[in-house]
């Protein structure tokens, strides 16, 4: 009898901390869910404000009379792996006509992914490019930010054919765009990514400037047109056109320092 009592007490002592830990985990999870539910609207509003600010920098307000956030379309793009992704494109209208578009593009820099947003007019000319996020080296690669230097403004007015294919490189690689002292990888990656964004525009120009029925993506709408065929990009990421290789450009030895 004594041995059975001791066994029961031992098991009870083991069950108590386990039950207490489970109760604490449940309480913590409940608090996190309630916090998320209470702040998700504020978070969504903040994200919308950030996107609105970015759009204003790449599409001048005098070019359109509509709300860019309220006028967007999903364009289905195809990567080299044949996996399709949706790219959200914001459309600028003047008196009902689409005159320019803006969308995010992603590429691989030295420190990781570089996300940027670019505005393009109906002729395929760049209206503006701005960096959305990056993890490049402070003091070196962060010169891609408009707040740190005017380098990013050098894309204004450029197009897929201006410069030509060889010109879409940094000067160190025989192109027309400056690199940074001690940081070649970062500007090289941005130049490559901007050109990728222009190719996305060229591949999808017809879908970008047409009106899509409610509930259809750009590709879906293209399929409803007699004799039309949806075009495809060679790369895309969720919500952005993306570098299909996903690989880091090779350094020529004078890029950003390794082993930070």
Protein backbone atom coordinates (compact mmCIF):
# COMPACT_ATOMS: atom_id res chain seq x y z
CA UNK A 1 0.00 0.00 0.00
CA UNK A 2 2.82 2.35 0.88
CA UNK A 3 4.64 1.56 -2.37
CA UNK A 4 1.49 2.26 -4.45
CA UNK A 5 1.00 5.56 -2.65
CA UNK A 6 4.58 6.60 -3.33
CA UNK A 7 4.20 5.68 -7.03
CA UNK A 8 1.01 7.75 -7.31
CA UNK A 9 2.66 10.76 -5.61
CA UNK A 10 5.66 10.50 -7.93
CA UNK A 11 3.49 10.51 -11.02
CA UNK A 12 1.42 13.39 -9.63
CA UNK A 13 4.54 15.44 -9.03
CA UNK A 14 5.64 14.83 -12.64
CA UNK A 15 2.23 15.75 -14.07
CA UNK A 16 1.99 19.04 -12.19
CA UNK A 17 4.90 20.92 -13.85
CA UNK A 18 3.90 19.52 -17.24
CA UNK A 19 0.36 20.74 -16.82
CA UNK A 20 1.57 24.11 -15.56
CA UNK A 21 3.88 24.49 -18.56
CA UNK A 22 1.05 23.62 -20.93
CA UNK A 23 -1.25 26.16 -19.29
CA UNK A 24 1.40 28.87 -19.57
CA UNK A 25 1.98 28.06 -23.25
CA UNK A 26 -1.76 28.26 -23.90
CA UNK A 27 -1.99 31.59 -22.11
CA UNK A 28 0.97 33.00 -24.06
CA UNK A 29 -0.54 31.83 -27.36
CA UNK A 30 -3.86 33.44 -26.47
CA UNK A 31 -2.15 36.75 -25.66
CA UNK A 32 -0.26 36.69 -28.98
CA UNK A 33 -3.42 35.99 -30.97
CA UNK A 34 -5.31 38.78 -29.20
CA UNK A 35 -2.39 41.17 -29.79
CA UNK A 36 -2.32 40.31 -33.49
CA UNK A 37 -6.07 40.75 -33.85
CA UNK A 38 -5.85 44.10 -32.09
CA UNK A 39 -3.03 45.47 -34.24
CA UNK A 40 -3.48 43.93 -37.70
CA UNK A 41 -5.55 46.84 -38.97
CA UNK A 42 -2.91 49.33 -37.82
CA UNK A 43 -0.19 47.20 -39.42
CA UNK A 44 -2.12 47.00 -42.70
CA UNK A 45 -2.66 50.77 -42.63
CA UNK A 46 1.04 51.38 -42.03
CA UNK A 47 2.02 49.10 -44.90
CA UNK A 48 -0.44 50.89 -47.18
CA UNK A 49 1.03 54.25 -46.19
CA UNK A 50 4.55 53.00 -46.89
CA UNK A 51 3.52 51.72 -50.31
CA UNK A 52 1.74 54.99 -51.08
CA UNK A 53 4.91 56.92 -50.23
CA UNK A 54 6.99 54.63 -52.47
CA UNK A 55 4.56 55.00 -55.35
CA UNK A 56 4.70 58.79 -55.11
CA UNK A 57 8.47 58.62 -55.60
CA UNK A 58 8.36 56.53 -58.77
CA UNK A 59 5.23 57.96 -60.44
CA UNK A 60 4.92 61.77 -60.28
CA UNK A 61 1.52 62.90 -58.99
CA UNK A 62 0.98 65.22 -61.96
CA UNK A 63 0.88 62.22 -64.31
CA UNK A 64 -2.28 60.69 -62.83
CA UNK A 65 -5.60 61.54 -61.23
CA UNK A 66 -6.46 58.19 -59.61
CA UNK A 67 -5.64 56.39 -56.36
CA UNK A 68 -2.78 54.05 -57.26
CA UNK A 69 -3.38 51.73 -54.31
CA UNK A 70 -6.99 51.25 -55.39
CA UNK A 71 -6.08 50.48 -59.01
CA UNK A 72 -3.89 47.41 -59.32
CA UNK A 73 -3.85 44.14 -61.19
CA UNK A 74 -2.12 40.81 -60.68
CA UNK A 75 0.02 39.71 -63.59
CA UNK A 76 0.91 36.04 -63.64
CA UNK A 77 4.56 35.62 -64.53
CA UNK A 78 6.51 32.41 -65.06
CA UNK A 79 9.96 31.66 -63.71
CA UNK A 80 12.65 29.64 -65.40
CA UNK A 81 11.45 26.66 -63.33
CA UNK A 82 7.97 27.08 -64.91
CA UNK A 83 6.53 27.96 -61.49
CA UNK A 84 4.08 30.85 -61.84
CA UNK A 85 3.79 33.74 -59.41
CA UNK A 86 1.57 36.80 -59.24
CA UNK A 87 3.10 40.26 -59.55
CA UNK A 88 0.96 43.13 -58.28
CA UNK A 89 1.11 46.07 -60.64
CA UNK A 90 -0.20 49.53 -59.70
CA UNK A 91 -1.63 51.54 -62.58
CA UNK A 92 -1.58 55.33 -62.97
CA UNK A 93 -4.48 56.78 -64.97
CA UNK A 94 -5.15 60.14 -66.51
CA UNK A 95 -8.79 60.71 -67.42
CA UNK A 96 -9.38 56.98 -67.28
CA UNK A 97 -6.45 55.96 -69.47
CA UNK A 98 -3.54 53.97 -68.05
CA UNK A 99 -0.43 56.10 -68.59
CA UNK A 100 2.12 54.41 -66.32
CA UNK A 101 2.60 51.43 -64.02
CA UNK A 102 4.64 50.58 -60.94
CA UNK A 103 5.67 47.26 -59.46
CA UNK A 104 8.28 45.69 -57.22
CA UNK A 105 11.32 43.81 -58.50
CA UNK A 106 13.73 41.66 -56.48
CA UNK A 107 17.34 40.70 -56.99
CA UNK A 108 20.25 39.26 -55.02
CA UNK A 109 22.84 41.64 -53.61
CA UNK A 110 25.92 41.09 -51.48
CA UNK A 111 24.08 40.94 -48.16
CA UNK A 112 20.87 39.30 -49.37
CA UNK A 113 17.75 40.17 -51.28
CA UNK A 114 17.31 43.71 -52.64
CA UNK A 115 13.71 44.77 -53.21
CA UNK A 116 12.99 47.83 -55.27
CA UNK A 117 9.97 49.50 -56.83
CA UNK A 118 10.04 51.06 -60.27
CA UNK A 119 7.66 53.24 -62.26
CA UNK A 120 7.50 52.90 -66.05
CA UNK A 121 5.57 55.01 -68.55
CA UNK A 122 3.66 53.77 -71.59
CA UNK A 123 6.72 54.02 -73.82
CA UNK A 124 8.76 51.77 -71.53
CA UNK A 125 10.80 54.64 -70.06
CA UNK A 126 11.69 54.59 -66.38
CA UNK A 127 9.98 57.29 -64.32
CA UNK A 128 11.76 56.40 -61.11
CA UNK A 129 13.37 53.62 -59.09
CA UNK A 130 13.55 53.40 -55.31
CA UNK A 131 14.90 50.80 -52.91
CA UNK A 132 12.22 49.20 -50.73
CA UNK A 133 14.47 47.00 -48.57
CA UNK A 134 18.00 45.60 -48.49
CA UNK A 135 20.67 44.24 -46.13
CA UNK A 136 23.75 45.67 -47.84
CA UNK A 137 26.83 46.93 -46.00
CA UNK A 138 26.25 50.27 -44.22
CA UNK A 139 28.52 52.94 -45.62
CA UNK A 140 29.19 50.96 -48.80
CA UNK A 141 26.26 49.18 -50.40
CA UNK A 142 23.62 51.40 -48.81
CA UNK A 143 24.45 54.15 -51.30
CA UNK A 144 21.70 52.61 -53.43
CA UNK A 145 19.26 54.42 -51.14
CA UNK A 146 18.10 57.80 -52.43
CA UNK A 147 18.66 59.26 -48.95
CA UNK A 148 22.36 58.29 -49.07
CA UNK A 149 23.25 59.30 -52.64
CA UNK A 150 21.78 60.26 -55.99
CA UNK A 151 23.03 57.08 -57.68
CA UNK A 152 19.55 55.53 -57.99
CA UNK A 153 18.35 58.59 -59.94
CA UNK A 154 20.61 57.57 -62.82
CA UNK A 155 17.92 55.16 -64.04
CA UNK A 156 15.42 57.94 -64.72
CA UNK A 157 14.57 58.13 -68.41
CA UNK A 158 16.31 54.86 -69.25
CA UNK A 159 14.58 52.05 -71.13
CA UNK A 160 15.27 48.47 -72.17
CA UNK A 161 17.07 49.72 -75.30
CA UNK A 162 18.69 52.77 -73.66
CA UNK A 163 21.38 51.77 -73.09
CA UNK A 164 21.73 48.61 -75.16
CA UNK A 165 22.40 45.17 -73.66
CA UNK A 166 26.08 45.81 -72.98
CA UNK A 167 25.31 49.19 -71.44
CA UNK A 168 23.15 47.60 -68.75
CA UNK A 169 26.18 46.93 -66.57
CA UNK A 170 28.36 48.90 -64.21
CA UNK A 171 31.31 50.67 -65.83
CA UNK A 172 33.71 48.13 -64.40
CA UNK A 173 31.93 45.50 -66.50
CA UNK A 174 31.87 47.68 -69.64
CA UNK A 175 28.49 49.27 -68.95
CA UNK A 176 27.25 52.83 -68.38
CA UNK A 177 26.42 52.82 -64.66
CA UNK A 178 28.81 53.83 -61.91
CA UNK A 179 29.89 51.38 -59.25
CA UNK A 180 30.75 52.36 -55.68
CA UNK A 181 34.24 52.52 -54.30
CA UNK A 182 34.75 49.23 -52.45
CA UNK A 183 31.28 47.98 -53.35
CA UNK A 184 30.80 46.67 -56.85
CA UNK A 185 28.46 43.76 -56.13
CA UNK A 186 25.60 45.90 -54.86
CA UNK A 187 25.26 48.35 -57.79
CA UNK A 188 25.85 45.49 -60.21
CA UNK A 189 22.91 43.63 -58.66
CA UNK A 190 20.63 46.69 -58.81
CA UNK A 191 21.46 47.36 -62.48
CA UNK A 192 20.68 43.75 -63.31
CA UNK A 193 17.43 43.87 -61.35
CA UNK A 194 16.21 47.09 -62.98
CA UNK A 195 16.84 45.61 -66.41
CA UNK A 196 14.90 42.52 -65.34
CA UNK A 197 12.03 44.83 -64.37
CA UNK A 198 12.09 46.44 -67.82
CA UNK A 199 12.01 43.01 -69.45
CA UNK A 200 8.98 42.14 -67.33
CA UNK A 201 7.31 45.31 -68.61
CA UNK A 202 8.12 44.44 -72.23
CA UNK A 203 6.83 40.89 -71.84
CA UNK A 204 3.54 42.05 -70.31
CA UNK A 205 2.97 45.49 -71.83
CA UNK A 206 -0.42 44.62 -73.35
CA UNK A 207 -1.75 43.17 -70.09
CA UNK A 208 -0.42 46.08 -68.04
CA UNK A 209 -2.29 48.72 -70.02
CA UNK A 210 -5.59 46.94 -70.60
CA UNK A 211 -8.66 47.00 -68.35
CA UNK A 212 -9.20 43.65 -66.65
CA UNK A 213 -12.63 42.30 -65.68
CA UNK A 214 -13.19 42.00 -61.94
CA UNK A 215 -11.67 38.88 -60.46
CA UNK A 216 -9.26 38.24 -63.32
CA UNK A 217 -5.52 38.45 -63.34
CA UNK A 218 -3.71 39.89 -66.31
CA UNK A 219 -3.05 36.43 -67.72
CA UNK A 220 -6.66 35.31 -67.22
CA UNK A 221 -7.92 38.40 -69.05
CA UNK A 222 -5.46 37.83 -71.89
CA UNK A 223 -6.81 34.33 -72.38
CA UNK A 224 -10.34 35.69 -72.84
CA UNK A 225 -9.31 37.78 -75.86
CA UNK A 226 -9.84 36.06 -79.21
CA UNK A 227 -6.52 34.94 -80.63
CA UNK A 228 -4.61 36.34 -77.66
CA UNK A 229 -1.90 34.48 -75.79
CA UNK A 230 -0.65 35.40 -72.35
CA UNK A 231 2.96 36.43 -72.28
CA UNK A 232 5.37 35.23 -69.64
CA UNK A 233 8.31 36.70 -67.79
CA UNK A 234 11.36 34.64 -67.09
CA UNK A 235 11.28 35.36 -63.37
CA UNK A 236 8.93 36.43 -60.61
CA UNK A 237 8.46 36.31 -56.88
CA UNK A 238 5.24 36.72 -54.85
CA UNK A 239 4.24 40.29 -55.53
CA UNK A 240 7.33 41.11 -57.55
CA UNK A 241 9.36 40.22 -60.61
CA UNK A 242 12.43 38.32 -59.45
CA UNK A 243 15.89 37.32 -60.61
CA UNK A 244 15.44 33.74 -61.91
CA UNK A 245 18.89 32.58 -60.97
CA UNK A 246 18.71 33.68 -57.35
CA UNK A 247 22.49 33.57 -57.35
CA UNK A 248 24.87 36.23 -56.16
CA UNK A 249 26.83 38.00 -58.91
CA UNK A 250 30.46 37.07 -58.89
CA UNK A 251 32.88 39.52 -57.39
CA UNK A 252 35.79 40.80 -59.43
CA UNK A 253 37.87 41.06 -56.31
CA UNK A 254 37.18 44.70 -55.60
CA UNK A 255 33.64 44.35 -54.41
CA UNK A 256 32.42 44.57 -50.84
CA UNK A 257 34.77 43.00 -48.30
CA UNK A 258 34.04 39.41 -47.26
CA UNK A 259 34.23 37.92 -43.80
CA UNK A 260 32.42 40.78 -42.10
